[in-house]
N, C-alpha and C. Protein backbone atom coordinates (compact mmCIF):
# COMPACT_ATOMS: atom_id res chain seq x y z
N MET A 1 -74.92 16.30 -17.10
CA MET A 1 -75.65 15.05 -16.93
C MET A 1 -74.65 13.92 -16.72
N ILE A 2 -74.93 13.07 -15.80
CA ILE A 2 -74.04 11.97 -15.45
C ILE A 2 -74.44 10.73 -16.24
N VAL A 3 -73.47 10.15 -16.94
CA VAL A 3 -73.70 8.94 -17.73
C VAL A 3 -73.28 7.74 -16.90
N LEU A 4 -74.17 6.77 -16.77
CA LEU A 4 -73.90 5.59 -15.97
C LEU A 4 -73.42 4.43 -16.83
N GLY A 5 -72.48 3.66 -16.31
CA GLY A 5 -71.99 2.48 -16.99
C GLY A 5 -72.81 1.26 -16.64
N SER A 6 -72.34 0.09 -17.09
CA SER A 6 -73.09 -1.15 -16.85
C SER A 6 -73.08 -1.54 -15.37
N ASP A 7 -72.11 -1.03 -14.60
CA ASP A 7 -72.05 -1.34 -13.17
C ASP A 7 -72.93 -0.42 -12.34
N GLY A 8 -73.61 0.55 -12.98
CA GLY A 8 -74.49 1.47 -12.28
C GLY A 8 -73.77 2.67 -11.69
N LEU A 9 -72.46 2.78 -11.96
CA LEU A 9 -71.67 3.90 -11.46
C LEU A 9 -71.33 4.84 -12.61
N PRO A 10 -71.07 6.11 -12.33
CA PRO A 10 -70.80 7.08 -13.39
C PRO A 10 -69.55 6.73 -14.20
N VAL A 11 -69.62 7.01 -15.49
CA VAL A 11 -68.51 6.78 -16.40
C VAL A 11 -67.59 8.00 -16.35
N GLY A 12 -66.28 7.77 -16.29
CA GLY A 12 -65.32 8.85 -16.32
C GLY A 12 -65.15 9.58 -15.01
N ARG A 13 -65.67 9.07 -13.93
CA ARG A 13 -65.54 9.68 -12.62
C ARG A 13 -64.77 8.72 -11.71
N LYS A 14 -64.26 9.25 -10.60
CA LYS A 14 -63.54 8.43 -9.64
C LYS A 14 -64.55 7.49 -8.97
N LYS A 15 -64.40 6.20 -9.18
CA LYS A 15 -65.39 5.22 -8.72
C LYS A 15 -65.50 5.16 -7.20
N SER A 16 -64.43 5.48 -6.48
CA SER A 16 -64.48 5.37 -5.02
C SER A 16 -65.37 6.45 -4.39
N ASN A 17 -65.71 7.49 -5.14
CA ASN A 17 -66.57 8.55 -4.61
C ASN A 17 -68.06 8.27 -4.82
N TYR A 18 -68.39 7.19 -5.49
CA TYR A 18 -69.78 6.85 -5.78
C TYR A 18 -70.09 5.44 -5.31
N THR A 19 -71.34 5.23 -4.92
CA THR A 19 -71.80 3.89 -4.57
C THR A 19 -73.28 3.77 -4.88
N ASN A 20 -73.72 2.57 -5.11
CA ASN A 20 -75.11 2.30 -5.41
C ASN A 20 -75.74 1.65 -4.18
N ILE A 21 -76.64 2.36 -3.50
CA ILE A 21 -77.29 1.84 -2.29
C ILE A 21 -78.76 1.61 -2.60
N ASN A 22 -79.17 0.36 -2.59
CA ASN A 22 -80.55 -0.03 -2.89
C ASN A 22 -81.02 0.53 -4.23
N GLY A 23 -80.14 0.53 -5.22
CA GLY A 23 -80.50 0.99 -6.56
C GLY A 23 -80.49 2.50 -6.73
N VAL A 24 -80.06 3.25 -5.70
CA VAL A 24 -80.00 4.70 -5.77
C VAL A 24 -78.53 5.13 -5.71
N LEU A 25 -78.12 5.94 -6.66
CA LEU A 25 -76.74 6.38 -6.73
C LEU A 25 -76.44 7.41 -5.65
N HIS A 26 -75.38 7.19 -4.90
CA HIS A 26 -74.95 8.09 -3.83
C HIS A 26 -73.52 8.55 -4.13
N LYS A 27 -73.20 9.73 -3.67
CA LYS A 27 -71.87 10.30 -3.85
C LYS A 27 -71.29 10.60 -2.47
N ARG A 28 -69.96 10.46 -2.34
CA ARG A 28 -69.28 10.72 -1.07
C ARG A 28 -68.84 12.18 -1.02
N CYS A 29 -69.15 12.85 0.05
CA CYS A 29 -68.70 14.22 0.28
C CYS A 29 -67.22 14.16 0.67
N THR A 30 -66.38 14.93 -0.03
CA THR A 30 -64.95 14.88 0.26
C THR A 30 -64.60 15.63 1.54
N HIS A 31 -65.54 16.38 2.10
CA HIS A 31 -65.28 17.11 3.33
C HIS A 31 -65.63 16.28 4.56
N CYS A 32 -66.86 15.78 4.63
CA CYS A 32 -67.29 15.01 5.81
C CYS A 32 -67.14 13.50 5.61
N GLY A 33 -67.02 13.03 4.37
CA GLY A 33 -66.80 11.62 4.11
C GLY A 33 -68.05 10.76 4.07
N GLN A 34 -69.23 11.35 4.25
CA GLN A 34 -70.47 10.58 4.24
C GLN A 34 -71.03 10.48 2.81
N TYR A 35 -71.81 9.44 2.57
CA TYR A 35 -72.46 9.25 1.27
C TYR A 35 -73.86 9.85 1.31
N PHE A 36 -74.21 10.62 0.27
CA PHE A 36 -75.52 11.23 0.14
C PHE A 36 -76.04 11.01 -1.27
N ARG A 37 -77.36 11.12 -1.42
CA ARG A 37 -77.96 11.09 -2.76
C ARG A 37 -77.42 12.27 -3.56
N LEU A 38 -77.47 12.17 -4.87
CA LEU A 38 -76.93 13.22 -5.73
C LEU A 38 -77.64 14.55 -5.55
N SER A 39 -78.88 14.54 -5.10
CA SER A 39 -79.63 15.78 -4.90
C SER A 39 -79.08 16.59 -3.72
N TYR A 40 -78.22 16.00 -2.91
CA TYR A 40 -77.62 16.70 -1.77
C TYR A 40 -76.34 17.44 -2.16
N PHE A 41 -76.04 17.53 -3.47
CA PHE A 41 -74.87 18.23 -3.97
C PHE A 41 -75.31 19.30 -4.96
N TYR A 42 -74.68 20.48 -4.86
CA TYR A 42 -74.99 21.57 -5.79
C TYR A 42 -74.42 21.25 -7.17
N PRO A 43 -75.13 21.64 -8.24
CA PRO A 43 -74.58 21.44 -9.59
C PRO A 43 -73.42 22.40 -9.84
N LEU A 44 -72.51 21.99 -10.70
CA LEU A 44 -71.35 22.80 -11.04
C LEU A 44 -71.15 22.75 -12.54
N LYS A 45 -71.11 23.91 -13.17
CA LYS A 45 -70.84 23.99 -14.60
C LYS A 45 -69.48 24.65 -14.80
N TYR A 46 -68.70 24.09 -15.71
CA TYR A 46 -67.40 24.67 -16.01
C TYR A 46 -67.10 24.48 -17.50
N GLN A 47 -66.10 25.19 -17.97
CA GLN A 47 -65.77 25.14 -19.39
C GLN A 47 -64.34 24.64 -19.55
N ARG A 48 -64.16 23.65 -20.41
CA ARG A 48 -62.83 23.11 -20.70
C ARG A 48 -62.70 22.94 -22.21
N LYS A 49 -61.68 23.57 -22.77
CA LYS A 49 -61.42 23.53 -24.22
C LYS A 49 -62.63 23.96 -25.02
N GLY A 50 -63.32 24.99 -24.55
CA GLY A 50 -64.48 25.53 -25.25
C GLY A 50 -65.75 24.74 -25.07
N GLU A 51 -65.70 23.64 -24.37
CA GLU A 51 -66.87 22.78 -24.16
C GLU A 51 -67.39 22.99 -22.74
N ILE A 52 -68.70 23.23 -22.60
CA ILE A 52 -69.32 23.41 -21.29
C ILE A 52 -69.67 22.03 -20.72
N ARG A 53 -69.19 21.79 -19.52
CA ARG A 53 -69.43 20.50 -18.87
C ARG A 53 -70.23 20.71 -17.59
N GLU A 54 -70.95 19.68 -17.17
CA GLU A 54 -71.74 19.74 -15.94
C GLU A 54 -71.33 18.60 -15.03
N THR A 55 -71.22 18.91 -13.76
CA THR A 55 -70.91 17.90 -12.76
C THR A 55 -71.53 18.34 -11.43
N LEU A 56 -71.11 17.75 -10.35
CA LEU A 56 -71.61 18.10 -9.02
C LEU A 56 -70.44 18.57 -8.16
N GLN A 57 -70.74 19.46 -7.21
CA GLN A 57 -69.72 19.92 -6.27
C GLN A 57 -69.18 18.72 -5.51
N SER A 58 -67.96 18.81 -5.00
CA SER A 58 -67.39 17.70 -4.25
C SER A 58 -67.85 17.69 -2.79
N TRP A 59 -68.26 18.85 -2.26
CA TRP A 59 -68.80 18.92 -0.90
C TRP A 59 -70.32 18.87 -0.95
N CYS A 60 -70.94 18.23 0.04
CA CYS A 60 -72.40 18.19 0.12
C CYS A 60 -72.95 19.56 0.51
N LYS A 61 -74.24 19.74 0.37
CA LYS A 61 -74.88 21.02 0.68
C LYS A 61 -74.70 21.39 2.15
N PHE A 62 -74.73 20.41 3.03
CA PHE A 62 -74.58 20.67 4.46
C PHE A 62 -73.21 21.28 4.76
N CYS A 63 -72.17 20.68 4.21
CA CYS A 63 -70.80 21.18 4.44
C CYS A 63 -70.60 22.54 3.79
N MET A 64 -71.17 22.74 2.60
CA MET A 64 -71.03 24.02 1.91
C MET A 64 -71.66 25.14 2.74
N VAL A 65 -72.85 24.90 3.26
CA VAL A 65 -73.57 25.92 4.03
C VAL A 65 -72.84 26.23 5.33
N THR A 66 -72.41 25.20 6.05
CA THR A 66 -71.72 25.44 7.31
C THR A 66 -70.39 26.17 7.10
N GLU A 67 -69.68 25.84 6.04
CA GLU A 67 -68.41 26.51 5.75
C GLU A 67 -68.63 27.96 5.35
N CYS A 68 -69.68 28.22 4.55
CA CYS A 68 -69.99 29.61 4.16
C CYS A 68 -70.39 30.44 5.37
N CYS A 69 -71.17 29.86 6.29
CA CYS A 69 -71.57 30.57 7.51
C CYS A 69 -70.36 30.87 8.38
N LYS A 70 -69.47 29.90 8.48
CA LYS A 70 -68.27 30.08 9.29
C LYS A 70 -67.40 31.20 8.71
N ARG A 71 -67.23 31.22 7.39
CA ARG A 71 -66.43 32.26 6.75
C ARG A 71 -67.08 33.63 6.88
N ALA A 72 -68.40 33.69 6.80
CA ALA A 72 -69.11 34.97 6.95
C ALA A 72 -68.92 35.52 8.37
N LYS A 73 -69.00 34.64 9.36
CA LYS A 73 -68.79 35.07 10.75
C LYS A 73 -67.36 35.57 10.95
N GLU A 74 -66.39 34.89 10.33
CA GLU A 74 -65.00 35.32 10.44
C GLU A 74 -64.80 36.70 9.80
N ARG A 75 -65.43 36.90 8.66
CA ARG A 75 -65.32 38.20 7.98
C ARG A 75 -65.93 39.31 8.82
N ASN A 76 -67.06 39.04 9.43
CA ASN A 76 -67.74 40.04 10.25
C ASN A 76 -66.95 40.38 11.50
N THR A 77 -66.29 39.41 12.10
CA THR A 77 -65.51 39.69 13.32
C THR A 77 -64.22 40.44 13.00
N THR A 78 -63.64 40.23 11.83
CA THR A 78 -62.40 40.94 11.49
C THR A 78 -62.66 42.37 11.04
N LYS A 79 -63.86 42.68 10.59
CA LYS A 79 -64.20 44.04 10.14
C LYS A 79 -64.37 44.99 11.32
N LYS A 80 -64.77 44.46 12.46
CA LYS A 80 -65.07 45.32 13.61
C LYS A 80 -63.83 45.80 14.32
């Protein structure tokens, strides 16, 4: 869960990757550089020092899907 500060941006995250557009929090995809609503990013759970943390992937769903399709095609062509 993302905790928001008084400025409307997430606490403890890199501020340049987030922006508030018309009162809706958006995150920047590090692959394509565009800003999307948080629902356009897959959730990510990880464990650090025994504590389970939740965040969002750095790439948007569009970039993740296109990259996975590209890698699958590459794998299929090298197997033949």
